[in-house]
């Protein structure tokens, strides 16, 4: 399946896209995920991921600023001091500009990602790092790409802090955009030229595809191993050419597509892979969901997002409602009500 260009007007980003309740699932504008992005430090990506985690579905505008502690984006394993690492990330983000384009009107306009015009003295906040706290103000002109986004990709945020490579983060974002296809065991095709643009390699390894693929995938193939998006790819060669045919694209596929396994089997594997001391807790959480008539398919979809703590919170609410006085307050249809409630809690369904 070839990726269709859905961008109109288009956006060309020389970097990346980029409450305090952080969401487990980030929504990123489709045009940002599939834009030309400049390679930046992985901490710069984590900072913007943290910002996305603070933007909620019911937000109507960007907040004046978003804050996080440096420990949320810098790992002990990252080389260098937190101050130096964060300074490099800020330099990357501050130099990032997006090119908003409308090809039909022959119009384009550059827009900086960060709002660096605010000052602590005048406005009470500023894009800055101070005493371990990171403050990020997004350029308000870019609000349509962050708030009330209609066309977006979704990705699980939990893995990003484990990635040490910008390439790993980008591949995670991109594969997440087509996860529904990949999890069915299908392959997803992308042309080599399009991949070059997404991975900031348009001018790199132009005459050496082997080096191109090695440098893009050497870290993602390792760092995504064991995740739900553990992947591999097949090379697609040009047809009808003389001599050795060139590689023109790649077909991605998942090593363990969950869509091919029964949901009950996936849940069993989760229990088996859980450390022995926590295995019974995991089993009870799954069984309790089944008691509330939640389908195995929805448990597979939702538990990685809301975690066991979120599931038990839901079960408690179900119990309180079901034990309420008055028939009209009780759960009349457990299957419909509880499945819907869990999907809403996971952000996979909009509340009515």
Protein backbone atom coordinates (compact mmCIF):
# COMPACT_ATOMS: atom_id res chain seq x y z
CA UNK A 1 0.00 0.00 0.00
CA UNK A 2 1.54 3.30 -1.06
CA UNK A 3 1.36 6.29 1.23
CA UNK A 4 -0.92 9.00 -0.15
CA UNK A 5 0.06 12.66 0.12
CA UNK A 6 -2.73 14.21 2.20
CA UNK A 7 -1.12 17.60 2.71
CA UNK A 8 -2.98 20.66 1.39
CA UNK A 9 -1.90 23.27 2.23
CA UNK A 10 1.51 21.69 2.73
CA UNK A 11 4.03 22.15 5.47
CA UNK A 12 7.75 21.59 5.13
CA UNK A 13 9.57 21.35 8.43
CA UNK A 14 13.35 21.47 8.56
CA UNK A 15 13.19 19.69 11.91
CA UNK A 16 10.39 18.01 13.52
CA UNK A 17 7.01 18.80 14.88
CA UNK A 18 7.34 19.26 17.14
CA UNK A 19 -1.38 18.28 31.92
CA UNK A 20 0.40 18.74 33.92
CA UNK A 21 -1.44 15.63 33.49
CA UNK A 22 0.51 13.90 30.76
CA UNK A 23 -1.37 11.82 28.24
CA UNK A 24 -0.12 8.34 27.41
CA UNK A 25 -1.08 8.82 23.76
CA UNK A 26 0.12 11.84 21.80
CA UNK A 27 -1.73 13.21 18.81
CA UNK A 28 0.48 14.80 16.21
CA UNK A 29 -0.73 16.65 13.12
CA UNK A 30 -0.46 14.39 10.09
CA UNK A 31 1.47 17.06 8.19
CA UNK A 32 4.05 17.21 10.98
CA UNK A 33 4.60 13.46 11.19
CA UNK A 34 5.01 13.16 7.44
CA UNK A 35 6.97 16.35 6.83
CA UNK A 36 10.59 16.84 5.94
CA UNK A 37 12.30 17.10 9.28
CA UNK A 38 15.76 18.22 10.24
CA UNK A 39 17.72 15.86 12.47
CA UNK A 40 17.93 17.28 15.99
CA UNK A 41 19.01 15.94 19.35
CA UNK A 42 16.85 13.20 20.80
CA UNK A 43 16.28 15.41 23.88
CA UNK A 44 14.77 18.09 21.63
CA UNK A 45 12.33 15.43 20.43
CA UNK A 46 11.55 14.39 24.00
CA UNK A 47 10.84 18.01 24.96
CA UNK A 48 8.33 18.43 22.15
CA UNK A 49 6.82 15.04 22.94
CA UNK A 50 6.31 16.24 26.52
CA UNK A 51 4.57 19.35 25.18
CA UNK A 52 2.24 17.17 23.07
CA UNK A 53 1.52 15.11 26.17
CA UNK A 54 0.21 18.26 27.87
CA UNK A 55 -2.19 19.20 25.05
CA UNK A 56 -5.64 17.69 25.57
CA UNK A 57 -8.55 17.00 23.24
CA UNK A 58 -10.71 19.65 24.92
CA UNK A 59 -8.06 22.40 24.75
CA UNK A 60 -9.31 25.20 22.51
CA UNK A 61 -6.10 27.21 22.47
CA UNK A 62 -2.43 26.75 23.19
CA UNK A 63 -1.43 27.49 26.75
CA UNK A 64 0.94 30.45 27.16
CA UNK A 65 3.69 27.98 28.04
CA UNK A 66 4.38 24.34 28.92
CA UNK A 67 6.73 23.25 31.67
CA UNK A 68 8.59 20.09 32.60
CA UNK A 69 11.45 19.11 34.85
CA UNK A 70 14.70 18.28 33.12
CA UNK A 71 14.54 14.75 34.58
CA UNK A 72 11.49 14.09 32.39
CA UNK A 73 13.51 14.44 29.20
CA UNK A 74 17.14 13.74 30.15
CA UNK A 75 18.14 10.20 31.14
CA UNK A 76 21.04 9.19 33.35
CA UNK A 77 22.35 7.28 30.35
CA UNK A 78 22.53 10.41 28.19
CA UNK A 79 26.13 11.51 27.79
CA UNK A 80 27.06 14.92 29.20
CA UNK A 81 25.62 17.14 31.92
CA UNK A 82 21.88 17.84 31.99
CA UNK A 83 22.66 21.54 31.51
CA UNK A 84 24.75 20.99 28.37
CA UNK A 85 22.34 18.43 26.91
CA UNK A 86 19.37 20.73 27.45
CA UNK A 87 21.23 23.73 26.04
CA UNK A 88 21.90 21.75 22.84
CA UNK A 89 18.20 20.80 22.64
CA UNK A 90 17.15 24.44 23.11
CA UNK A 91 19.57 25.50 20.36
CA UNK A 92 17.98 22.94 18.03
CA UNK A 93 14.43 24.01 18.86
CA UNK A 94 15.17 27.74 18.71
CA UNK A 95 16.61 27.39 15.21
CA UNK A 96 13.65 25.37 13.98
CA UNK A 97 11.29 27.02 11.53
CA UNK A 98 8.40 25.58 9.55
CA UNK A 99 7.55 26.55 6.00
CA UNK A 100 3.78 26.83 5.61
CA UNK A 101 2.87 26.42 1.96
CA UNK A 102 -0.19 26.59 -0.26
CA UNK A 103 0.97 25.28 -3.62
CA UNK A 104 -2.21 26.25 -5.47
CA UNK A 105 -1.93 29.89 -4.39
CA UNK A 106 1.85 29.87 -4.82
CA UNK A 107 2.16 31.04 -1.24
CA UNK A 108 4.60 30.19 1.51
CA UNK A 109 5.59 31.70 4.85
CA UNK A 110 8.26 30.66 7.36
CA UNK A 111 7.23 30.27 10.99
CA UNK A 112 9.53 29.69 13.95
CA UNK A 113 8.48 26.84 16.23
CA UNK A 114 9.18 28.58 19.54
CA UNK A 115 7.98 31.94 20.78
CA UNK A 116 11.18 33.53 22.08
CA UNK A 117 9.75 37.05 22.34
CA UNK A 118 8.40 36.66 25.88
CA UNK A 119 10.46 37.67 28.93
CA UNK A 120 10.14 36.84 32.61
CA UNK A 121 10.14 40.54 33.56
CA UNK A 122 7.49 41.69 31.08
CA UNK A 123 5.28 38.62 30.62
CA UNK A 124 5.94 36.50 33.69
CA UNK A 125 7.35 33.61 31.66
CA UNK A 126 9.81 32.91 28.86
CA UNK A 127 11.15 30.03 26.82
CA UNK A 128 14.06 29.10 29.03
CA UNK A 129 15.85 26.61 31.26
CA UNK A 130 16.26 27.59 34.91
CA UNK A 131 16.97 25.62 38.06
CA UNK A 132 16.13 22.32 36.39
CA UNK A 133 12.82 23.53 34.93
CA UNK A 134 12.21 23.74 31.19
CA UNK A 135 9.66 26.28 29.95
CA UNK A 136 8.49 26.12 26.34
CA UNK A 137 6.27 28.69 24.64
CA UNK A 138 4.99 27.65 21.21
CA UNK A 139 4.62 30.25 18.47
CA UNK A 140 0.86 31.00 18.67
CA UNK A 141 0.61 31.25 14.88
CA UNK A 142 1.18 27.48 14.77
CA UNK A 143 -1.81 26.77 17.04
CA UNK A 144 -3.82 24.94 14.29
CA UNK A 145 -1.05 22.32 14.16
CA UNK A 146 -1.28 21.58 17.90
CA UNK A 147 -4.84 22.22 19.12
CA UNK A 148 -8.16 20.74 17.93
CA UNK A 149 -6.31 18.79 15.26
CA UNK A 150 -8.68 16.90 12.96
CA UNK A 151 -6.17 14.95 10.86
CA UNK A 152 -3.51 13.38 13.03
CA UNK A 153 -1.36 10.38 13.81
CA UNK A 154 -1.28 8.80 17.26
CA UNK A 155 1.65 7.23 19.06
CA UNK A 156 2.31 5.84 22.52
CA UNK A 157 4.56 8.23 24.39
CA UNK A 158 5.96 5.80 26.93
CA UNK A 159 8.68 4.40 24.68
CA UNK A 160 10.23 7.68 23.60
CA UNK A 161 12.37 8.27 26.66
CA UNK A 162 13.98 4.86 26.08
CA UNK A 163 15.18 5.82 22.61
CA UNK A 164 18.67 7.26 22.31
CA UNK A 165 18.44 7.97 18.59
CA UNK A 166 16.50 10.61 16.66
CA UNK A 167 16.07 8.01 13.92
CA UNK A 168 14.34 5.67 16.38
CA UNK A 169 11.90 8.39 17.43
CA UNK A 170 11.11 9.24 13.80
CA UNK A 171 10.56 5.61 12.81
CA UNK A 172 8.30 5.14 15.87
CA UNK A 173 6.22 8.18 14.85
CA UNK A 174 6.01 7.14 11.20
CA UNK A 175 5.12 3.48 11.81
CA UNK A 176 2.51 4.58 14.37
CA UNK A 177 0.78 6.48 11.57
CA UNK A 178 0.15 3.20 9.75
CA UNK A 179 -0.12 0.87 12.73
CA UNK A 180 -3.68 -0.13 11.86
CA UNK A 181 -2.39 -1.59 8.58
CA UNK A 182 0.81 -3.08 9.97
CA UNK A 183 -0.90 -4.79 12.92
CA UNK A 184 -3.03 -6.74 10.44
CA UNK A 185 0.13 -8.34 9.11
CA UNK A 186 0.09 -6.24 5.95
CA UNK A 187 3.09 -4.46 4.49
CA UNK A 188 3.36 -0.70 4.02
CA UNK A 189 5.32 0.76 1.12
CA UNK A 190 7.27 4.02 1.05
CA UNK A 191 9.45 5.30 -1.76
CA UNK A 192 13.12 5.79 -1.05
CA UNK A 193 12.94 9.49 -1.93
CA UNK A 194 10.06 10.10 0.45
CA UNK A 195 11.90 8.27 3.21
CA UNK A 196 14.97 10.43 2.58
CA UNK A 197 12.89 13.55 3.17
CA UNK A 198 11.31 12.26 6.36
CA UNK A 199 14.69 11.21 7.76
CA UNK A 200 16.74 14.31 6.81
CA UNK A 201 18.80 12.35 4.30
CA UNK A 202 17.94 14.10 1.03
CA UNK A 203 21.55 15.15 0.50
CA UNK A 204 23.20 12.23 2.27
CA UNK A 205 24.41 8.95 0.73
CA UNK A 206 22.98 9.93 -2.66
CA UNK A 207 24.98 7.27 -4.49
CA UNK A 208 25.14 4.67 -1.74
CA UNK A 209 21.77 3.20 -0.81
CA UNK A 210 23.43 0.55 1.34
CA UNK A 211 24.97 3.20 3.60
CA UNK A 212 21.71 5.17 3.60
CA UNK A 213 19.69 2.24 4.91
CA UNK A 214 22.38 1.19 7.37
CA UNK A 215 22.62 4.64 8.94
CA UNK A 216 18.86 5.18 9.13
CA UNK A 217 18.00 1.76 10.57
CA UNK A 218 21.01 0.60 12.59
CA UNK A 219 19.58 2.07 15.83
CA UNK A 220 15.80 1.77 15.23
CA UNK A 221 16.07 -1.95 14.48
CA UNK A 222 17.69 -2.42 17.90
CA UNK A 223 15.73 0.13 19.95
CA UNK A 224 12.28 -0.88 18.67
CA UNK A 225 13.02 -4.57 19.27
CA UNK A 226 10.58 -6.01 21.79
CA UNK A 227 8.05 -3.19 21.34
CA UNK A 228 4.71 -3.56 19.60
CA UNK A 229 6.30 -1.84 16.56
CA UNK A 230 9.31 -4.13 16.24
CA UNK A 231 9.80 -4.06 12.49
CA UNK A 232 11.79 -5.13 9.49
CA UNK A 233 11.59 -4.24 5.82
CA UNK A 234 11.93 -5.65 2.33
CA UNK A 235 13.70 -3.75 -0.42
CA UNK A 236 11.70 -2.97 -3.55
CA UNK A 237 13.68 -2.87 -6.79
CA UNK A 238 12.95 -1.08 -10.05
CA UNK A 239 11.61 -3.32 -12.81
CA UNK A 240 12.40 -3.33 -16.48
CA UNK A 241 15.85 -1.76 -16.22
CA UNK A 242 19.09 -3.04 -17.65
CA UNK A 243 21.81 -4.21 -15.34
CA UNK A 244 21.51 -4.27 -11.58
CA UNK A 245 18.12 -2.76 -10.66
CA UNK A 246 18.21 0.11 -8.13
CA UNK A 247 16.26 0.11 -4.88
CA UNK A 248 13.28 2.44 -5.29
CA UNK A 249 11.42 1.84 -2.04
CA UNK A 250 10.87 -0.23 1.07
CA UNK A 251 8.02 -2.37 2.37
CA UNK A 252 7.78 -2.24 6.15
CA UNK A 253 6.21 -5.00 8.20
CA UNK A 254 5.92 -5.84 11.89
CA UNK A 255 7.79 -8.82 13.27
CA UNK A 256 4.92 -9.74 15.62
CA UNK A 257 1.70 -8.17 14.31
CA UNK A 258 -0.88 -8.39 17.06
CA UNK A 259 -3.73 -8.32 14.59
CA UNK A 260 -2.90 -11.89 13.56
CA UNK A 261 -3.15 -13.23 17.11
CA UNK A 262 -6.38 -13.76 19.04
CA UNK A 263 -6.71 -11.12 21.76
CA UNK A 264 -6.95 -13.89 24.37
CA UNK A 265 -3.54 -15.17 23.27
CA UNK A 266 -2.01 -11.69 23.56
CA UNK A 267 -3.37 -11.34 27.12
CA UNK A 268 -1.92 -14.74 28.04
CA UNK A 269 1.47 -13.64 26.71
CA UNK A 270 1.29 -10.42 28.73
CA UNK A 271 0.73 -12.45 31.90
CA UNK A 272 3.58 -14.84 31.06
CA UNK A 273 6.00 -11.97 30.37
CA UNK A 274 5.13 -10.15 33.60
CA UNK A 275 7.70 -10.55 36.42
CA UNK A 276 6.65 -13.40 38.69
CA UNK A 277 5.98 -11.17 41.70
CA UNK A 278 3.48 -9.09 39.67
CA UNK A 279 1.99 -11.84 37.53
CA UNK A 280 -1.03 -12.53 39.73
CA UNK A 281 -1.88 -8.81 39.86
CA UNK A 282 -1.84 -8.67 36.07
CA UNK A 283 -4.02 -11.78 35.86
CA UNK A 284 -6.57 -10.34 38.35
CA UNK A 285 -6.74 -7.08 36.43
CA UNK A 286 -7.53 -8.89 33.18
CA UNK A 287 -10.05 -11.24 34.83
CA UNK A 288 -11.80 -8.32 36.54
CA UNK A 289 -12.17 -6.62 33.16
CA UNK A 290 -13.75 -9.76 31.77
CA UNK A 291 -16.13 -9.88 34.75
CA UNK A 292 -17.32 -6.42 33.70
CA UNK A 293 -17.91 -7.84 30.19
CA UNK A 294 -15.01 -5.93 28.65
CA UNK A 295 -13.88 -7.77 25.54
CA UNK A 296 -10.38 -9.19 25.25
CA UNK A 297 -9.92 -7.04 22.15
CA UNK A 298 -10.61 -3.86 24.12
CA UNK A 299 -8.40 -4.97 27.00
CA UNK A 300 -5.56 -5.40 24.50
CA UNK A 301 -6.20 -1.93 23.07
CA UNK A 302 -6.70 -0.07 26.34
CA UNK A 303 -4.55 -1.61 29.09
CA UNK A 304 -1.23 -0.45 27.58
CA UNK A 305 -2.64 3.09 27.62
CA UNK A 306 -4.49 3.39 30.93
CA UNK A 307 -2.26 0.88 32.74
CA UNK A 308 -3.46 -1.38 35.54
CA UNK A 309 -3.98 1.56 37.90
CA UNK A 310 -6.34 3.20 35.43
CA UNK A 311 -8.21 -0.07 34.90
CA UNK A 312 -8.74 -0.57 38.64
CA UNK A 313 -9.97 3.01 38.93
CA UNK A 314 -12.56 2.24 36.25
CA UNK A 315 -13.58 -1.02 37.92
CA UNK A 316 -14.15 0.90 41.16
CA UNK A 317 -16.37 3.39 39.35
CA UNK A 318 -18.31 0.55 37.74
CA UNK A 319 -18.86 -1.04 41.15
CA UNK A 320 -20.00 2.21 42.74
CA UNK A 321 -22.45 2.84 39.92
CA UNK A 322 -23.76 -0.71 39.96
CA UNK A 323 -24.31 -0.59 43.73
CA UNK A 324 -26.02 2.80 43.67
CA UNK A 325 -29.52 3.09 45.02
CA UNK A 326 -32.21 3.29 42.41
CA UNK A 327 -32.54 1.09 39.36
CA UNK A 328 -32.09 4.04 36.99
CA UNK A 329 -28.54 4.61 38.30
CA UNK A 330 -27.37 1.04 37.88
CA UNK A 331 -25.51 -0.23 34.83
CA UNK A 332 -28.22 -1.66 32.61
CA UNK A 333 -25.96 -3.15 29.93
CA UNK A 334 -22.53 -4.04 31.30
CA UNK A 335 -21.12 -5.05 27.93
CA UNK A 336 -22.03 -1.82 26.18
CA UNK A 337 -21.37 0.54 29.11
CA UNK A 338 -18.07 -0.87 30.38
CA UNK A 339 -16.49 -1.37 26.96
CA UNK A 340 -17.43 2.16 25.98
CA UNK A 341 -16.10 3.58 29.27
CA UNK A 342 -12.74 1.87 28.87
CA UNK A 343 -12.34 3.06 25.28
CA UNK A 344 -13.14 6.62 26.38
CA UNK A 345 -10.67 6.39 29.27
CA UNK A 346 -7.98 5.29 26.80
CA UNK A 347 -8.77 8.15 24.46
CA UNK A 348 -9.87 5.75 21.72
CA UNK A 349 -13.46 6.94 21.69
CA UNK A 350 -15.00 10.35 22.16
CA UNK A 351 -17.47 10.73 25.05
CA UNK A 352 -21.03 11.48 24.00
